[in-house]
PDB file of N, CA and C in Angstrom:
ATOM      1  N   MET A   1     101.857  47.121  33.321  1.00  0.00           N
ATOM      2  CA  MET A   1     102.725  46.753  32.233  1.00  0.00           C
ATOM      3  C   MET A   1     103.648  45.625  32.700  1.00  0.00           C
ATOM      4  N   VAL A   2     103.752  44.583  31.919  1.00  0.00           N
ATOM      5  CA  VAL A   2     104.553  43.415  32.266  1.00  0.00           C
ATOM      6  C   VAL A   2     105.658  43.269  31.227  1.00  0.00           C
ATOM      7  N   THR A   3     106.872  43.082  31.718  1.00  0.00           N
ATOM      8  CA  THR A   3     108.002  42.858  30.821  1.00  0.00           C
ATOM      9  C   THR A   3     108.295  41.370  30.787  1.00  0.00           C
ATOM     10  N   ARG A   4     108.342  40.841  29.602  1.00  0.00           N
ATOM     11  CA  ARG A   4     108.653  39.419  29.448  1.00  0.00           C
ATOM     12  C   ARG A   4     109.939  39.284  28.658  1.00  0.00           C
ATOM     13  N   PHE A   5     110.774  38.420  29.138  1.00  0.00           N
ATOM     14  CA  PHE A   5     112.033  38.159  28.468  1.00  0.00           C
ATOM     15  C   PHE A   5     111.949  36.813  27.761  1.00  0.00           C
ATOM     16  N   ARG A   6     112.461  36.761  26.578  1.00  0.00           N
ATOM     17  CA  ARG A   6     112.502  35.488  25.877  1.00  0.00           C
ATOM     18  C   ARG A   6     113.944  35.180  25.511  1.00  0.00           C
ATOM     19  N   ARG A   7     114.262  33.934  25.520  1.00  0.00           N
ATOM     20  CA  ARG A   7     115.626  33.500  25.241  1.00  0.00           C
ATOM     21  C   ARG A   7     115.844  33.475  23.733  1.00  0.00           C
ATOM     22  N   VAL A   8     116.873  34.173  23.283  1.00  0.00           N
ATOM     23  CA  VAL A   8     117.194  34.253  21.860  1.00  0.00           C
ATOM     24  C   VAL A   8     118.587  33.666  21.662  1.00  0.00           C
ATOM     25  N   ALA A   9     118.735  32.884  20.639  1.00  0.00           N
ATOM     26  CA  ALA A   9     120.042  32.297  20.335  1.00  0.00           C
ATOM     27  C   ALA A   9     121.033  33.410  20.017  1.00  0.00           C
ATOM     28  N   PRO A  10     122.281  33.263  20.428  1.00  0.00           N
ATOM     29  CA  PRO A  10     123.264  34.313  20.149  1.00  0.00           C
ATOM     30  C   PRO A  10     123.502  34.462  18.651  1.00  0.00           C
ATOM     31  N   LEU A  11     123.777  35.681  18.238  1.00  0.00           N
ATOM     32  CA  LEU A  11     124.049  35.962  16.831  1.00  0.00           C
ATOM     33  C   LEU A  11     125.312  35.240  16.372  1.00  0.00           C
ATOM     34  N   TYR A  12     126.334  35.253  17.231  1.00  0.00           N
ATOM     35  CA  TYR A  12     127.591  34.550  16.955  1.00  0.00           C
ATOM     36  C   TYR A  12     127.808  33.528  18.052  1.00  0.00           C
ATOM     37  N   GLN A  13     127.970  32.286  17.680  1.00  0.00           N
ATOM     38  CA  GLN A  13     128.193  31.223  18.643  1.00  0.00           C
ATOM     39  C   GLN A  13     129.558  31.413  19.313  1.00  0.00           C
ATOM     40  N   PRO A  14     129.720  30.949  20.549  1.00  0.00           N
ATOM     41  CA  PRO A  14     131.001  31.108  21.249  1.00  0.00           C
ATOM     42  C   PRO A  14     132.192  30.542  20.476  1.00  0.00           C
ATOM     43  N   ALA A  15     131.983  29.522  19.679  1.00  0.00           N
ATOM     44  CA  ALA A  15     133.095  28.964  18.902  1.00  0.00           C
ATOM     45  C   ALA A  15     133.679  29.994  17.935  1.00  0.00           C
ATOM     46  N   VAL A  16     132.880  30.979  17.532  1.00  0.00           N
ATOM     47  CA  VAL A  16     133.352  32.001  16.591  1.00  0.00           C
ATOM     48  C   VAL A  16     134.220  33.039  17.294  1.00  0.00           C
ATOM     49  N   TRP A  17     133.828  33.466  18.493  1.00  0.00           N
ATOM     50  CA  TRP A  17     134.528  34.576  19.140  1.00  0.00           C
ATOM     51  C   TRP A  17     135.402  34.155  20.302  1.00  0.00           C
ATOM     52  N   ASN A  18     135.314  32.922  20.761  1.00  0.00           N
ATOM     53  CA  ASN A  18     136.101  32.480  21.894  1.00  0.00           C
ATOM     54  C   ASN A  18     137.566  32.307  21.476  1.00  0.00           C
ATOM     55  N   VAL A  19     138.481  32.887  22.217  1.00  0.00           N
ATOM     56  CA  VAL A  19     139.897  32.848  21.857  1.00  0.00           C
ATOM     57  C   VAL A  19     140.701  31.931  22.777  1.00  0.00           C
ATOM     58  N   HIS A  20     140.030  31.106  23.570  1.00  0.00           N
ATOM     59  CA  HIS A  20     140.712  30.209  24.495  1.00  0.00           C
ATOM     60  C   HIS A  20     141.664  29.268  23.750  1.00  0.00           C
ATOM     61  N   ASP A  21     141.156  28.587  22.714  1.00  0.00           N
ATOM     62  CA  ASP A  21     141.997  27.647  21.963  1.00  0.00           C
ATOM     63  C   ASP A  21     143.118  28.377  21.224  1.00  0.00           C
ATOM     64  N   ALA A  22     142.836  29.552  20.700  1.00  0.00           N
ATOM     65  CA  ALA A  22     143.871  30.332  20.014  1.00  0.00           C
ATOM     66  C   ALA A  22     144.970  30.746  20.985  1.00  0.00           C
ATOM     67  N   THR A  23     144.612  31.053  22.217  1.00  0.00           N
ATOM     68  CA  THR A  23     145.595  31.427  23.221  1.00  0.00           C
ATOM     69  C   THR A  23     146.480  30.242  23.561  1.00  0.00           C
ATOM     70  N   LEU A  24     145.882  29.086  23.752  1.00  0.00           N
ATOM     71  CA  LEU A  24     146.669  27.891  24.069  1.00  0.00           C
ATOM     72  C   LEU A  24     147.596  27.506  22.923  1.00  0.00           C
ATOM     73  N   ALA A  25     147.156  27.728  21.680  1.00  0.00           N
ATOM     74  CA  ALA A  25     147.947  27.348  20.507  1.00  0.00           C
ATOM     75  C   ALA A  25     148.921  28.441  20.080  1.00  0.00           C
ATOM     76  N   ASP A  26     149.015  29.523  20.844  1.00  0.00           N
ATOM     77  CA  ASP A  26     149.904  30.647  20.536  1.00  0.00           C
ATOM     78  C   ASP A  26     149.595  31.249  19.166  1.00  0.00           C
ATOM     79  N   GLN A  27     148.308  31.402  18.880  1.00  0.00           N
ATOM     80  CA  GLN A  27     147.866  32.016  17.636  1.00  0.00           C
ATOM     81  C   GLN A  27     147.368  33.426  17.920  1.00  0.00           C
ATOM     82  N   GLU A  28     147.136  34.174  16.857  1.00  0.00           N
ATOM     83  CA  GLU A  28     146.626  35.534  16.996  1.00  0.00           C
ATOM     84  C   GLU A  28     145.215  35.505  17.571  1.00  0.00           C
ATOM     85  N   ARG A  29     144.942  36.435  18.483  1.00  0.00           N
ATOM     86  CA  ARG A  29     143.612  36.519  19.078  1.00  0.00           C
ATOM     87  C   ARG A  29     142.831  37.710  18.545  1.00  0.00           C
ATOM     88  N   THR A  30     143.457  38.534  17.766  1.00  0.00           N
ATOM     89  CA  THR A  30     142.805  39.739  17.268  1.00  0.00           C
ATOM     90  C   THR A  30     142.991  39.841  15.764  1.00  0.00           C
ATOM     91  N   ASN A  31     142.434  40.880  15.198  1.00  0.00           N
ATOM     92  CA  ASN A  31     142.616  41.141  13.771  1.00  0.00           C
ATOM     93  C   ASN A  31     143.671  42.227  13.563  1.00  0.00           C
ATOM     94  N   ASN A  32     144.661  42.289  14.442  1.00  0.00           N
ATOM     95  CA  ASN A  32     145.687  43.315  14.328  1.00  0.00           C
ATOM     96  C   ASN A  32     146.456  43.232  13.017  1.00  0.00           C
ATOM     97  N   VAL A  33     146.542  42.040  12.423  1.00  0.00           N
ATOM     98  CA  VAL A  33     147.220  41.900  11.128  1.00  0.00           C
ATOM     99  C   VAL A  33     146.480  42.729  10.086  1.00  0.00           C
ATOM    100  N   CYS A  34     145.169  42.646  10.094  1.00  0.00           N
ATOM    101  CA  CYS A  34     144.359  43.433   9.147  1.00  0.00           C
ATOM    102  C   CYS A  34     144.494  44.920   9.432  1.00  0.00           C
ATOM    103  N   GLU A  35     144.475  45.273  10.713  1.00  0.00           N
ATOM    104  CA  GLU A  35     144.631  46.685  11.085  1.00  0.00           C
ATOM    105  C   GLU A  35     146.001  47.205  10.645  1.00  0.00           C
ATOM    106  N   GLY A  36     147.027  46.377  10.795  1.00  0.00           N
ATOM    107  CA  GLY A  36     148.374  46.779  10.382  1.00  0.00           C
ATOM    108  C   GLY A  36     148.459  47.020   8.887  1.00  0.00           C
ATOM    109  N   TRP A  37     147.850  46.117   8.092  1.00  0.00           N
ATOM    110  CA  TRP A  37     147.873  46.318   6.650  1.00  0.00           C
ATOM    111  C   TRP A  37     147.123  47.584   6.284  1.00  0.00           C
ATOM    112  N   ASN A  38     145.982  47.798   6.902  1.00  0.00           N
ATOM    113  CA  ASN A  38     145.174  48.982   6.603  1.00  0.00           C
ATOM    114  C   ASN A  38     145.967  50.257   6.894  1.00  0.00           C
ATOM    115  N   HIS A  39     146.664  50.285   8.029  1.00  0.00           N
ATOM    116  CA  HIS A  39     147.460  51.464   8.392  1.00  0.00           C
ATOM    117  C   HIS A  39     148.611  51.658   7.400  1.00  0.00           C
ATOM    118  N   ALA A  40     149.294  50.561   7.049  1.00  0.00           N
ATOM    119  CA  ALA A  40     150.415  50.662   6.108  1.00  0.00           C
ATOM    120  C   ALA A  40     149.940  51.125   4.736  1.00  0.00           C
ATOM    121  N   PHE A  41     148.790  50.618   4.288  1.00  0.00           N
ATOM    122  CA  PHE A  41     148.283  51.010   2.977  1.00  0.00           C
ATOM    123  C   PHE A  41     147.847  52.474   2.980  1.00  0.00           C
ATOM    124  N   ALA A  42     147.233  52.907   4.073  1.00  0.00           N
ATOM    125  CA  ALA A  42     146.844  54.313   4.169  1.00  0.00           C
ATOM    126  C   ALA A  42     148.078  55.211   4.149  1.00  0.00           C
ATOM    127  N   SER A  43     149.159  54.763   4.797  1.00  0.00           N
ATOM    128  CA  SER A  43     150.411  55.536   4.766  1.00  0.00           C
ATOM    129  C   SER A  43     151.014  55.541   3.379  1.00  0.00           C
ATOM    130  N   LEU A  44     150.868  54.433   2.667  1.00  0.00           N
ATOM    131  CA  LEU A  44     151.386  54.339   1.303  1.00  0.00           C
ATOM    132  C   LEU A  44     150.658  55.305   0.379  1.00  0.00           C
ATOM    133  N   ILE A  45     149.347  55.432   0.543  1.00  0.00           N
ATOM    134  CA  ILE A  45     148.560  56.351  -0.280  1.00  0.00           C
ATOM    135  C   ILE A  45     148.898  57.798   0.073  1.00  0.00           C
ATOM    136  N   GLY A  46     148.930  58.088   1.338  1.00  0.00           N
ATOM    137  CA  GLY A  46     149.379  59.404   1.764  1.00  0.00           C
ATOM    138  C   GLY A  46     148.301  60.426   2.066  1.00  0.00           C
ATOM    139  N   HIS A  47     147.082  60.224   1.616  1.00  0.00           N
ATOM    140  CA  HIS A  47     146.021  61.173   1.941  1.00  0.00           C
ATOM    141  C   HIS A  47     144.665  60.464   1.903  1.00  0.00           C
ATOM    142  N   ALA A  48     143.629  61.154   2.364  1.00  0.00           N
ATOM    143  CA  ALA A  48     142.341  60.515   2.627  1.00  0.00           C
ATOM    144  C   ALA A  48     141.542  60.171   1.368  1.00  0.00           C
ATOM    145  N   HIS A  49     141.578  61.003   0.349  1.00  0.00           N
ATOM    146  CA  HIS A  49     140.734  60.780  -0.829  1.00  0.00           C
ATOM    147  C   HIS A  49     141.593  60.742  -2.079  1.00  0.00           C
ATOM    148  N   PRO A  50     142.222  59.590  -2.345  1.00  0.00           N
ATOM    149  CA  PRO A  50     143.124  59.516  -3.504  1.00  0.00           C
ATOM    150  C   PRO A  50     142.347  59.431  -4.817  1.00  0.00           C
ATOM    151  N   SER A  51     143.008  59.838  -5.865  1.00  0.00           N
ATOM    152  CA  SER A  51     142.409  59.665  -7.192  1.00  0.00           C
ATOM    153  C   SER A  51     142.537  58.188  -7.571  1.00  0.00           C
ATOM    154  N   LEU A  52     141.877  57.811  -8.634  1.00  0.00           N
ATOM    155  CA  LEU A  52     141.947  56.427  -9.092  1.00  0.00           C
ATOM    156  C   LEU A  52     143.388  56.047  -9.435  1.00  0.00           C
ATOM    157  N   TRP A  53     144.135  56.982 -10.026  1.00  0.00           N
ATOM    158  CA  TRP A  53     145.507  56.694 -10.452  1.00  0.00           C
ATOM    159  C   TRP A  53     146.430  56.519  -9.247  1.00  0.00           C
ATOM    160  N   VAL A  54     146.234  57.315  -8.220  1.00  0.00           N
ATOM    161  CA  VAL A  54     147.035  57.168  -7.001  1.00  0.00           C
ATOM    162  C   VAL A  54     146.716  55.827  -6.347  1.00  0.00           C
ATOM    163  N   LEU A  55     145.460  55.444  -6.338  1.00  0.00           N
ATOM    164  CA  LEU A  55     145.063  54.161  -5.770  1.00  0.00           C
ATOM    165  C   LEU A  55     145.709  53.002  -6.524  1.00  0.00           C
ATOM    166  N   VAL A  56     145.663  53.052  -7.852  1.00  0.00           N
ATOM    167  CA  VAL A  56     146.251  51.980  -8.670  1.00  0.00           C
ATOM    168  C   VAL A  56     147.753  51.895  -8.426  1.00  0.00           C
ATOM    169  N   GLU A  57     148.438  53.026  -8.404  1.00  0.00           N
ATOM    170  CA  GLU A  57     149.883  53.015  -8.154  1.00  0.00           C
ATOM    171  C   GLU A  57     150.192  52.490  -6.751  1.00  0.00           C
ATOM    172  N   SER A  58     149.384  52.833  -5.778  1.00  0.00           N
ATOM    173  CA  SER A  58     149.599  52.351  -4.411  1.00  0.00           C
ATOM    174  C   SER A  58     149.389  50.843  -4.330  1.00  0.00           C
ATOM    175  N   LEU A  59     148.368  50.340  -5.039  1.00  0.00           N
ATOM    176  CA  LEU A  59     148.155  48.891  -5.073  1.00  0.00           C
ATOM    177  C   LEU A  59     149.336  48.179  -5.720  1.00  0.00           C
ATOM    178  N   LYS A  60     149.905  48.766  -6.765  1.00  0.00           N
ATOM    179  CA  LYS A  60     151.086  48.179  -7.413  1.00  0.00           C
ATOM    180  C   LYS A  60     152.279  48.153  -6.460  1.00  0.00           C
ATOM    181  N   MET A  61     152.480  49.241  -5.713  1.00  0.00           N
ATOM    182  CA  MET A  61     153.594  49.286  -4.765  1.00  0.00           C
ATOM    183  C   MET A  61     153.385  48.276  -3.642  1.00  0.00           C
ATOM    184  N   ASP A  62     152.139  48.137  -3.186  1.00  0.00           N
ATOM    185  CA  ASP A  62     151.843  47.159  -2.141  1.00  0.00           C
ATOM    186  C   ASP A  62     152.102  45.749  -2.658  1.00  0.00           C
ATOM    187  N   GLU A  63     151.694  45.468  -3.879  1.00  0.00           N
ATOM    188  CA  GLU A  63     151.915  44.154  -4.475  1.00  0.00           C
ATOM    189  C   GLU A  63     153.404  43.861  -4.614  1.00  0.00           C
ATOM    190  N   ALA A  64     154.190  44.867  -4.976  1.00  0.00           N
ATOM    191  CA  ALA A  64     155.637  44.675  -5.096  1.00  0.00           C
ATOM    192  C   ALA A  64     156.251  44.353  -3.733  1.00  0.00           C
ATOM    193  N   GLY A  65     155.756  45.008  -2.696  1.00  0.00           N
ATOM    194  CA  GLY A  65     156.251  44.719  -1.348  1.00  0.00           C
ATOM    195  C   GLY A  65     155.909  43.308  -0.909  1.00  0.00           C
ATOM    196  N   VAL A  66     154.698  42.858  -1.216  1.00  0.00           N
ATOM    197  CA  VAL A  66     154.287  41.490  -0.874  1.00  0.00           C
ATOM    198  C   VAL A  66     155.117  40.478  -1.659  1.00  0.00           C
ATOM    199  N   ALA A  67     155.356  40.758  -2.938  1.00  0.00           N
ATOM    200  CA  ALA A  67     156.176  39.860  -3.756  1.00  0.00           C
ATOM    201  C   ALA A  67     157.587  39.748  -3.160  1.00  0.00           C
ATOM    202  N   MET A  68     158.130  40.856  -2.691  1.00  0.00           N
ATOM    203  CA  MET A  68     159.457  40.828  -2.077  1.00  0.00           C
ATOM    204  C   MET A  68     159.441  40.005  -0.790  1.00  0.00           C
ATOM    205  N   ASP A  69     158.396  40.165   0.008  1.00  0.00           N
ATOM    206  CA  ASP A  69     158.277  39.385   1.240  1.00  0.00           C
ATOM    207  C   ASP A  69     158.177  37.888   0.940  1.00  0.00           C
ATOM    208  N   LEU A  70     157.418  37.530  -0.095  1.00  0.00           N
ATOM    209  CA  LEU A  70     157.298  36.123  -0.476  1.00  0.00           C
ATOM    210  C   LEU A  70     158.628  35.568  -0.968  1.00  0.00           C
ATOM    211  N   LEU A  71     159.373  36.374  -1.687  1.00  0.00           N
ATOM    212  CA  LEU A  71     160.693  35.952  -2.156  1.00  0.00           C
ATOM    213  C   LEU A  71     161.632  35.712  -0.980  1.00  0.00           C
ATOM    214  N   LYS A  72     161.587  36.590   0.014  1.00  0.00           N
ATOM    215  CA  LYS A  72     162.421  36.414   1.204  1.00  0.00           C
ATOM    216  C   LYS A  72     162.065  35.125   1.940  1.00  0.00           C
ATOM    217  N   VAL A  73     160.780  34.847   2.070  1.00  0.00           N
ATOM    218  CA  VAL A  73     160.350  33.616   2.736  1.00  0.00           C
ATOM    219  C   VAL A  73     160.806  32.402   1.944  1.00  0.00           C
ATOM    220  N   ALA A  74     160.723  32.479   0.600  1.00  0.00           N
ATOM    221  CA  ALA A  74     161.118  31.352  -0.246  1.00  0.00           C
ATOM    222  C   ALA A  74     162.606  31.044  -0.110  1.00  0.00           C
ATOM    223  N   ARG A  75     163.428  32.051   0.144  1.00  0.00           N
ATOM    224  CA  ARG A  75     164.861  31.793   0.278  1.00  0.00           C
ATOM    225  C   ARG A  75     165.291  31.610   1.735  1.00  0.00           C
ATOM    226  N   GLY A  76     164.324  31.461   2.611  1.00  0.00           N
ATOM    227  CA  GLY A  76     164.643  31.105   3.985  1.00  0.00           C
ATOM    228  C   GLY A  76     164.785  32.256   4.950  1.00  0.00           C
ATOM    229  N   GLU A  77     164.296  33.428   4.602  1.00  0.00           N
ATOM    230  CA  GLU A  77     164.338  34.590   5.494  1.00  0.00           C
ATOM    231  C   GLU A  77     162.921  34.901   5.959  1.00  0.00           C
ATOM    232  N   PRO A  78     162.479  34.275   7.045  1.00  0.00           N
ATOM    233  CA  PRO A  78     161.121  34.590   7.507  1.00  0.00           C
ATOM    234  C   PRO A  78     161.030  36.043   7.955  1.00  0.00           C
ATOM    235  N   PRO A  79     159.871  36.654   7.777  1.00  0.00           N
ATOM    236  CA  PRO A  79     159.739  38.060   8.174  1.00  0.00           C
ATOM    237  C   PRO A  79     159.907  38.220   9.679  1.00  0.00           C
ATOM    238  N   ALA A  80     160.597  39.272  10.060  1.00  0.00           N
ATOM    239  CA  ALA A  80     160.811  39.546  11.480  1.00  0.00           C
ATOM    240  C   ALA A  80     159.527  40.102  12.070  1.00  0.00           C
ATOM    241  N   LYS A  81     159.034  39.450  13.084  1.00  0.00           N
ATOM    242  CA  LYS A  81     157.814  39.909  13.746  1.00  0.00           C
ATOM    243  C   LYS A  81     158.234  40.703  14.971  1.00  0.00           C
ATOM    244  N   ARG A  82     157.924  41.988  14.960  1.00  0.00           N
ATOM    245  CA  ARG A  82     158.283  42.836  16.090  1.00  0.00           C
ATOM    246  C   ARG A  82     157.225  42.700  17.177  1.00  0.00           C
ATOM    247  N   VAL A  83     157.655  42.227  18.339  1.00  0.00           N
ATOM    248  CA  VAL A  83     156.745  42.061  19.459  1.00  0.00           C
ATOM    249  C   VAL A  83     157.400  42.665  20.688  1.00  0.00           C
ATOM    250  N   LYS A  84     156.656  43.506  21.370  1.00  0.00           N
ATOM    251  CA  LYS A  84     157.180  44.105  22.597  1.00  0.00           C
ATOM    252  C   LYS A  84     157.357  43.029  23.662  1.00  0.00           C
ATOM    253  N   ARG A  85     158.365  43.198  24.481  1.00  0.00           N
ATOM    254  CA  ARG A  85     158.628  42.253  25.554  1.00  0.00           C
ATOM    255  C   ARG A  85     157.422  42.152  26.490  1.00  0.00           C
ATOM    256  N   SER A  86     156.785  43.276  26.758  1.00  0.00           N
ATOM    257  CA  SER A  86     155.622  43.262  27.652  1.00  0.00           C
ATOM    258  C   SER A  86     154.481  42.446  27.046  1.00  0.00           C
ATOM    259  N   MET A  87     154.332  42.487  25.724  1.00  0.00           N
ATOM    260  CA  MET A  87     153.278  41.700  25.083  1.00  0.00           C
ATOM    261  C   MET A  87     153.609  40.207  25.135  1.00  0.00           C
ATOM    262  N   GLU A  88     154.894  39.859  25.000  1.00  0.00           N
ATOM    263  CA  GLU A  88     155.291  38.454  25.120  1.00  0.00           C
ATOM    264  C   GLU A  88     154.991  37.932  26.521  1.00  0.00           C
ATOM    265  N   GLN A  89     155.291  38.736  27.529  1.00  0.00           N
ATOM    266  CA  GLN A  89     155.022  38.343  28.912  1.00  0.00           C
ATOM    267  C   GLN A  89     153.522  38.201  29.139  1.00  0.00           C
ATOM    268  N   HIS A  90     152.762  39.134  28.612  1.00  0.00           N
ATOM    269  CA  HIS A  90     151.301  39.088  28.740  1.00  0.00           C
ATOM    270  C   HIS A  90     150.751  37.819  28.082  1.00  0.00           C
ATOM    271  N   GLN A  91     151.258  37.492  26.899  1.00  0.00           N
ATOM    272  CA  GLN A  91     150.828  36.293  26.181  1.00  0.00           C
ATOM    273  C   GLN A  91     151.140  35.043  26.996  1.00  0.00           C
ATOM    274  N   ARG A  92     152.332  34.979  27.587  1.00  0.00           N
ATOM    275  CA  ARG A  92     152.700  33.821  28.402  1.00  0.00           C
ATOM    276  C   ARG A  92     151.792  33.677  29.621  1.00  0.00           C
ATOM    277  N   ARG A  93     151.467  34.813  30.267  1.00  0.00           N
ATOM    278  CA  ARG A  93     150.566  34.763  31.427  1.00  0.00           C
ATOM    279  C   ARG A  93     149.191  34.231  31.020  1.00  0.00           C
ATOM    280  N   LEU A  94     148.672  34.733  29.890  1.00  0.00           N
ATOM    281  CA  LEU A  94     147.363  34.273  29.421  1.00  0.00           C
ATOM    282  C   LEU A  94     147.388  32.790  29.068  1.00  0.00           C
ATOM    283  N   GLN A  95     148.467  32.351  28.414  1.00  0.00           N
ATOM    284  CA  GLN A  95     148.582  30.938  28.080  1.00  0.00           C
ATOM    285  C   GLN A  95     148.609  30.077  29.338  1.00  0.00           C
ATOM    286  N   GLN A  96     149.358  30.514  30.333  1.00  0.00           N
ATOM    287  CA  GLN A  96     149.444  29.744  31.570  1.00  0.00           C
ATOM    288  C   GLN A  96     148.089  29.675  32.268  1.00  0.00           C
ATOM    289  N   LEU A  97     147.369  30.793  32.309  1.00  0.00           N
ATOM    290  CA  LEU A  97     146.050  30.796  32.933  1.00  0.00           C
ATOM    291  C   LEU A  97     145.082  29.876  32.194  1.00  0.00           C
ATOM    292  N   CYS A  98     145.102  29.936  30.860  1.00  0.00           N
ATOM    293  CA  CYS A  98     144.220  29.060  30.080  1.00  0.00           C
ATOM    294  C   CYS A  98     144.597  27.595  30.281  1.00  0.00           C
ATOM    295  N   ALA A  99     145.879  27.307  30.320  1.00  0.00           N
ATOM    296  CA  ALA A  99     146.322  25.927  30.540  1.00  0.00           C
ATOM    297  C   ALA A  99     145.923  25.451  31.934  1.00  0.00           C
ATOM    298  N   ASP A 100     146.073  26.315  32.945  1.00  0.00           N
ATOM    299  CA  ASP A 100     145.682  25.944  34.308  1.00  0.00           C
ATOM    300  C   ASP A 100     144.185  25.652  34.381  1.00  0.00           C
ATOM    301  N   ARG A 101     143.385  26.442  33.704  1.00  0.00           N
ATOM    302  CA  ARG A 101     141.943  26.216  33.712  1.00  0.00           C
ATOM    303  C   ARG A 101     141.604  24.944  32.941  1.00  0.00           C
ATOM    304  N   HIS A 102     142.263  24.738  31.815  1.00  0.00           N
ATOM    305  CA  HIS A 102     142.026  23.559  30.988  1.00  0.00           C
ATOM    306  C   HIS A 102     142.365  22.279  31.749  1.00  0.00           C
ATOM    307  N   ASP A 103     143.437  22.316  32.548  1.00  0.00           N
ATOM    308  CA  ASP A 103     143.878  21.148  33.319  1.00  0.00           C
ATOM    309  C   ASP A 103     143.233  21.073  34.702  1.00  0.00           C
ATOM    310  N   ASP A 104     142.253  21.929  34.958  1.00  0.00           N
ATOM    311  CA  ASP A 104     141.548  21.985  36.252  1.00  0.00           C
ATOM    312  C   ASP A 104     142.476  22.261  37.428  1.00  0.00           C
ATOM    313  N   LYS A 105     143.564  22.980  37.195  1.00  0.00           N
ATOM    314  CA  LYS A 105     144.450  23.383  38.292  1.00  0.00           C
ATOM    315  C   LYS A 105     143.896  24.604  39.014  1.00  0.00           C
ATOM    316  N   LYS A 106     143.083  25.398  38.287  1.00  0.00           N
ATOM    317  CA  LYS A 106     142.464  26.588  38.874  1.00  0.00           C
ATOM    318  C   LYS A 106     140.981  26.578  38.550  1.00  0.00           C
ATOM    319  N   SER A 107     140.215  27.107  39.478  1.00  0.00           N
ATOM    320  CA  SER A 107     138.778  27.217  39.247  1.00  0.00           C
ATOM    321  C   SER A 107     138.508  28.391  38.306  1.00  0.00           C
ATOM    322  N   LEU A 108     137.301  28.432  37.787  1.00  0.00           N
ATOM    323  CA  LEU A 108     136.918  29.534  36.908  1.00  0.00           C
ATOM    324  C   LEU A 108     137.036  30.865  37.639  1.00  0.00           C
ATOM    325  N   GLN A 109     136.620  30.893  38.891  1.00  0.00           N
ATOM    326  CA  GLN A 109     136.701  32.126  39.679  1.00  0.00           C
ATOM    327  C   GLN A 109     138.148  32.585  39.846  1.00  0.00           C
ATOM    328  N   GLU A 110     139.061  31.660  40.097  1.00  0.00           N
ATOM    329  CA  GLU A 110     140.478  32.018  40.246  1.00  0.00           C
ATOM    330  C   GLU A 110     141.049  32.563  38.935  1.00  0.00           C
ATOM    331  N   VAL A 111     140.686  31.924  37.842  1.00  0.00           N
ATOM    332  CA  VAL A 111     141.186  32.373  36.530  1.00  0.00           C
ATOM    333  C   VAL A 111     140.637  33.755  36.203  1.00  0.00           C
ATOM    334  N   LEU A 112     139.350  33.970  36.435  1.00  0.00           N
ATOM    335  CA  LEU A 112     138.759  35.282  36.146  1.00  0.00           C
ATOM    336  C   LEU A 112     139.375  36.366  37.022  1.00  0.00           C
ATOM    337  N   ARG A 113     139.627  36.062  38.281  1.00  0.00           N
ATOM    338  CA  ARG A 113     140.268  37.039  39.157  1.00  0.00           C
ATOM    339  C   ARG A 113     141.684  37.361  38.646  1.00  0.00           C
ATOM    340  N   ALA A 114     142.429  36.340  38.239  1.00  0.00           N
ATOM    341  CA  ALA A 114     143.780  36.552  37.713  1.00  0.00           C
ATOM    342  C   ALA A 114     143.736  37.351  36.407  1.00  0.00           C
ATOM    343  N   LEU A 115     142.761  37.061  35.550  1.00  0.00           N
ATOM    344  CA  LEU A 115     142.622  37.825  34.313  1.00  0.00           C
ATOM    345  C   LEU A 115     142.311  39.286  34.598  1.00  0.00           C
ATOM    346  N   GLY A 116     141.525  39.517  35.643  1.00  0.00           N
ATOM    347  CA  GLY A 116     141.226  40.894  36.032  1.00  0.00           C
ATOM    348  C   GLY A 116     142.475  41.658  36.423  1.00  0.00           C
ATOM    349  N   HIS A 117     143.456  40.966  36.980  1.00  0.00           N
ATOM    350  CA  HIS A 117     144.713  41.616  37.348  1.00  0.00           C
ATOM    351  C   HIS A 117     145.602  41.858  36.128  1.00  0.00           C
ATOM    352  N   CYS A 118     145.328  41.174  35.031  1.00  0.00           N
ATOM    353  CA  CYS A 118     146.129  41.329  33.815  1.00  0.00           C
ATOM    354  C   CYS A 118     145.649  42.504  32.957  1.00  0.00           C
ATOM    355  N   VAL A 119     144.461  42.989  33.213  1.00  0.00           N
ATOM    356  CA  VAL A 119     143.863  44.036  32.379  1.00  0.00           C
ATOM    357  C   VAL A 119     144.269  45.407  32.904  1.00  0.00           C
ATOM    358  N   ARG A 120     144.686  46.252  31.971  1.00  0.00           N
ATOM    359  CA  ARG A 120     144.986  47.645  32.312  1.00  0.00           C
ATOM    360  C   ARG A 120     143.987  48.536  31.601  1.00  0.00           C
ATOM    361  N   VAL A 121     143.463  49.492  32.324  1.00  0.00           N
ATOM    362  CA  VAL A 121     142.508  50.438  31.747  1.00  0.00           C
ATOM    363  C   VAL A 121     143.216  51.771  31.574  1.00  0.00           C
ATOM    364  N   HIS A 122     143.210  52.266  30.345  1.00  0.00           N
ATOM    365  CA  HIS A 122     143.821  53.578  30.061  1.00  0.00           C
ATOM    366  C   HIS A 122     142.721  54.627  30.033  1.00  0.00           C
ATOM    367  N   ILE A 123     142.880  55.638  30.837  1.00  0.00           N
ATOM    368  CA  ILE A 123     141.878  56.698  30.875  1.00  0.00           C
ATOM    369  C   ILE A 123     142.466  57.976  30.310  1.00  0.00           C
TER     370      ILE A 123
END
């Protein structure tokens, strides 16, 4: 029996999932915004299988909250983004590593080793 491997194009090109440019530009690297909305909306509903009427009322309450947020932004009160100090430090470290690699100050091996030191595994 012979196993043959054939080269297949990736399903998602690196430009879709690579977060290097987003890290350098201080943009979001994850979909945590979507996860946050999902969690808040689930809390607004209050239980797992709402009736149609509970869903409609929850959508109305969510819309009212968004309208209030837009009004605050329009009058010059940007929403307060809560970020842990440790996450800010982590973001700065990642930005510095990406910038060092981009400017050829560090080799790929050095950057990968440094990134390995930034990762924490929770067991």
